Amino acid sequence: MKKTFSFFIIAAIIGSGFYFAYKKNWIPQSIKDQVDKDAWQKISKDMKEQGGVLASKSAEAKTHLSQVLGESTDESDSTKAPHEKALEYGRYLYCKQVVEDYEKTD
């Protein structure tokens, strides 16, 4: 997920840099002739669609994370990062199992 987000950020930076250079006439005329307005509209449309997919996948990941942690992961009242909560929950399960095993041996 981090790689996908990084890819979109890099693509946006490169695309915006090319667009800025295009508007400032820094690009030679031969390259400008190859790039038309329809191509920019298609790229813009594709990026909007991919942004929607990314948003839905992040919502899905949040739902899955809240199921793994066993509680809601609301950002407004959360003071710990999700990975810290996951580690804490793992420690809790481990300690619970150790206590149960200890009680069985008595």
C-alpha atoms as a PDB file:
ATOM      1  CA  MET A   1       0.000   0.000   0.000  1.00  0.00           C
ATOM      2  CA  LYS A   2       2.881   2.314   0.815  1.00  0.00           C
ATOM      3  CA  LYS A   3       4.464   1.556  -2.563  1.00  0.00           C
ATOM      4  CA  THR A   4       1.207   2.332  -4.374  1.00  0.00           C
ATOM      5  CA  PHE A   5       0.839   5.637  -2.562  1.00  0.00           C
ATOM      6  CA  SER A   6       4.481   6.509  -3.302  1.00  0.00           C
ATOM      7  CA  PHE A   7       3.948   5.658  -6.974  1.00  0.00           C
ATOM      8  CA  PHE A   8       0.967   8.024  -7.204  1.00  0.00           C
ATOM      9  CA  ILE A   9       2.874  10.809  -5.465  1.00  0.00           C
ATOM     10  CA  ILE A  10       5.846  10.425  -7.819  1.00  0.00           C
ATOM     11  CA  ALA A  11       3.549  10.264 -10.862  1.00  0.00           C
ATOM     12  CA  ALA A  12       1.746  13.408  -9.706  1.00  0.00           C
ATOM     13  CA  ILE A  13       5.028  15.270  -9.180  1.00  0.00           C
ATOM     14  CA  ILE A  14       6.376  14.263 -12.590  1.00  0.00           C
ATOM     15  CA  GLY A  15       3.069  15.046 -14.275  1.00  0.00           C
ATOM     16  CA  SER A  16       2.731  18.438 -12.634  1.00  0.00           C
ATOM     17  CA  GLY A  17       6.351  19.276 -13.479  1.00  0.00           C
ATOM     18  CA  PHE A  18       5.772  18.379 -17.118  1.00  0.00           C
ATOM     19  CA  TYR A  19       2.544  20.408 -17.176  1.00  0.00           C
ATOM     20  CA  PHE A  20       4.308  23.427 -15.629  1.00  0.00           C
ATOM     21  CA  ALA A  21       7.123  23.192 -18.187  1.00  0.00           C
ATOM     22  CA  TYR A  22       4.538  22.820 -20.952  1.00  0.00           C
ATOM     23  CA  LYS A  23       2.724  25.994 -19.879  1.00  0.00           C
ATOM     24  CA  LYS A  24       5.991  27.975 -19.591  1.00  0.00           C
ATOM     25  CA  ASN A  25       7.015  26.937 -23.131  1.00  0.00           C
ATOM     26  CA  TRP A  26      10.189  25.276 -21.837  1.00  0.00           C
ATOM     27  CA  ILE A  27       9.472  22.155 -23.872  1.00  0.00           C
ATOM     28  CA  PRO A  28      10.562  22.104 -27.517  1.00  0.00           C
ATOM     29  CA  GLN A  29       7.771  22.473 -30.065  1.00  0.00           C
ATOM     30  CA  SER A  30       8.246  18.942 -31.422  1.00  0.00           C
ATOM     31  CA  ILE A  31       7.306  17.433 -28.048  1.00  0.00           C
ATOM     32  CA  LYS A  32       4.372  19.831 -27.579  1.00  0.00           C
ATOM     33  CA  ASP A  33       2.880  18.634 -30.849  1.00  0.00           C
ATOM     34  CA  GLN A  34       2.825  15.067 -29.564  1.00  0.00           C
ATOM     35  CA  VAL A  35       0.931  15.961 -26.368  1.00  0.00           C
ATOM     36  CA  ASP A  36      -2.668  16.962 -26.913  1.00  0.00           C
ATOM     37  CA  LYS A  37      -5.420  18.145 -24.613  1.00  0.00           C
ATOM     38  CA  ASP A  38      -7.266  14.818 -24.801  1.00  0.00           C
ATOM     39  CA  ALA A  39      -4.260  13.018 -23.363  1.00  0.00           C
ATOM     40  CA  TRP A  40      -4.191  15.346 -20.360  1.00  0.00           C
ATOM     41  CA  GLN A  41      -7.914  14.822 -19.802  1.00  0.00           C
ATOM     42  CA  LYS A  42      -7.453  11.043 -19.964  1.00  0.00           C
ATOM     43  CA  ILE A  43      -4.590  11.180 -17.462  1.00  0.00           C
ATOM     44  CA  SER A  44      -6.664  13.372 -15.149  1.00  0.00           C
ATOM     45  CA  LYS A  45      -9.626  10.994 -15.381  1.00  0.00           C
ATOM     46  CA  ASP A  46      -7.409   7.957 -14.721  1.00  0.00           C
ATOM     47  CA  MET A  47      -5.829   9.597 -11.680  1.00  0.00           C
ATOM     48  CA  LYS A  48      -9.271  10.415 -10.239  1.00  0.00           C
ATOM     49  CA  GLU A  49     -10.367   6.802 -10.719  1.00  0.00           C
ATOM     50  CA  GLN A  50      -7.198   5.465  -9.107  1.00  0.00           C
ATOM     51  CA  GLY A  51      -7.629   7.910  -6.221  1.00  0.00           C
ATOM     52  CA  GLY A  52     -11.100   6.492  -5.620  1.00  0.00           C
ATOM     53  CA  VAL A  53      -9.710   2.958  -5.634  1.00  0.00           C
ATOM     54  CA  LEU A  54      -6.978   3.990  -3.211  1.00  0.00           C
ATOM     55  CA  ALA A  55      -9.530   5.578  -0.871  1.00  0.00           C
ATOM     56  CA  SER A  56     -11.728   2.474  -0.872  1.00  0.00           C
ATOM     57  CA  LYS A  57      -8.717   0.202  -0.240  1.00  0.00           C
ATOM     58  CA  SER A  58      -7.596   2.357   2.684  1.00  0.00           C
ATOM     59  CA  ALA A  59     -11.096   2.195   4.187  1.00  0.00           C
ATOM     60  CA  GLU A  60     -11.026  -1.583   3.740  1.00  0.00           C
ATOM     61  CA  ALA A  61      -7.623  -1.755   5.441  1.00  0.00           C
ATOM     62  CA  LYS A  62      -8.921   0.321   8.363  1.00  0.00           C
ATOM     63  CA  THR A  63     -11.876  -2.042   8.781  1.00  0.00           C
ATOM     64  CA  HIS A  64      -9.585  -5.054   8.706  1.00  0.00           C
ATOM     65  CA  LEU A  65      -7.214  -3.442  11.195  1.00  0.00           C
ATOM     66  CA  SER A  66     -10.049  -2.719  13.608  1.00  0.00           C
ATOM     67  CA  GLN A  67     -11.070  -6.377  13.389  1.00  0.00           C
ATOM     68  CA  VAL A  68      -7.516  -7.515  14.091  1.00  0.00           C
ATOM     69  CA  LEU A  69      -7.162  -5.203  17.068  1.00  0.00           C
ATOM     70  CA  GLY A  70     -10.612  -6.086  18.344  1.00  0.00           C
ATOM     71  CA  GLU A  71     -11.649  -2.490  18.776  1.00  0.00           C
ATOM     72  CA  SER A  72     -12.424   0.575  16.742  1.00  0.00           C
ATOM     73  CA  THR A  73      -9.477   2.582  15.470  1.00  0.00           C
ATOM     74  CA  ASP A  74     -10.858   6.090  15.693  1.00  0.00           C
ATOM     75  CA  GLU A  75      -8.151   8.658  14.954  1.00  0.00           C
ATOM     76  CA  SER A  76      -9.707  11.329  17.138  1.00  0.00           C
ATOM     77  CA  ASP A  77      -9.240   9.463  20.444  1.00  0.00           C
ATOM     78  CA  SER A  78      -6.260   7.333  19.480  1.00  0.00           C
ATOM     79  CA  THR A  79      -2.946   8.158  21.127  1.00  0.00           C
ATOM     80  CA  LYS A  80      -1.035   5.078  19.937  1.00  0.00           C
ATOM     81  CA  ALA A  81      -0.123   4.139  16.414  1.00  0.00           C
ATOM     82  CA  PRO A  82      -1.929   1.095  14.982  1.00  0.00           C
ATOM     83  CA  HIS A  83       1.248  -1.015  14.921  1.00  0.00           C
ATOM     84  CA  GLU A  84       1.798  -0.259  18.622  1.00  0.00           C
ATOM     85  CA  LYS A  85      -1.757  -1.356  19.386  1.00  0.00           C
ATOM     86  CA  ALA A  86      -1.224  -4.551  17.415  1.00  0.00           C
ATOM     87  CA  LEU A  87       1.973  -5.320  19.339  1.00  0.00           C
ATOM     88  CA  GLU A  88       0.254  -4.601  22.632  1.00  0.00           C
ATOM     89  CA  TYR A  89      -2.629  -6.875  21.720  1.00  0.00           C
ATOM     90  CA  GLY A  90      -0.179  -9.614  20.693  1.00  0.00           C
ATOM     91  CA  ARG A  91       1.580  -9.327  24.058  1.00  0.00           C
ATOM     92  CA  TYR A  92      -1.775  -9.533  25.804  1.00  0.00           C
ATOM     93  CA  LEU A  93      -2.722 -12.718  23.937  1.00  0.00           C
ATOM     94  CA  TYR A  94       0.681 -14.265  24.668  1.00  0.00           C
ATOM     95  CA  CYS A  95       0.466 -13.471  28.382  1.00  0.00           C
ATOM     96  CA  LYS A  96      -3.095 -14.769  28.509  1.00  0.00           C
ATOM     97  CA  GLN A  97      -1.968 -18.059  26.965  1.00  0.00           C
ATOM     98  CA  VAL A  98       0.959 -18.357  29.394  1.00  0.00           C
ATOM     99  CA  VAL A  99      -1.369 -17.853  32.358  1.00  0.00           C
ATOM    100  CA  GLU A 100      -3.837 -20.427  31.003  1.00  0.00           C
ATOM    101  CA  ASP A 101      -1.018 -22.942  30.488  1.00  0.00           C
ATOM    102  CA  TYR A 102       0.282 -22.276  33.998  1.00  0.00           C
ATOM    103  CA  GLU A 103      -3.182 -22.778  35.497  1.00  0.00           C
ATOM    104  CA  LYS A 104      -3.548 -26.106  33.670  1.00  0.00           C
ATOM    105  CA  THR A 105      -0.326 -27.470  35.180  1.00  0.00           C
ATOM    106  CA  ASP A 106      -1.520 -26.862  38.779  1.00  0.00           C
END
